[in-house]
């Protein structure tokens, strides 16, 4: 029998490391500057910075890991 890693349905790690989380979630300076100039308060800034990251994580299947 073929191992699960060699099939079309490999198992993904359930958790990601702190370094991977930083790579995936930390906004770039350009993104932070754009979001800061586009919002009026900290809550809106946080939401605006997190929205694209949540979409990206859901797309690659990491949303459960965060």
Foldseek 3Di string as FASTA:
>chain_A
DDDLCPDPHHDDDQADDPVVCCVLQPDDPVLLVVLVVVDDDPVSSVCSSCVVSCVVCVVVVNNSHD
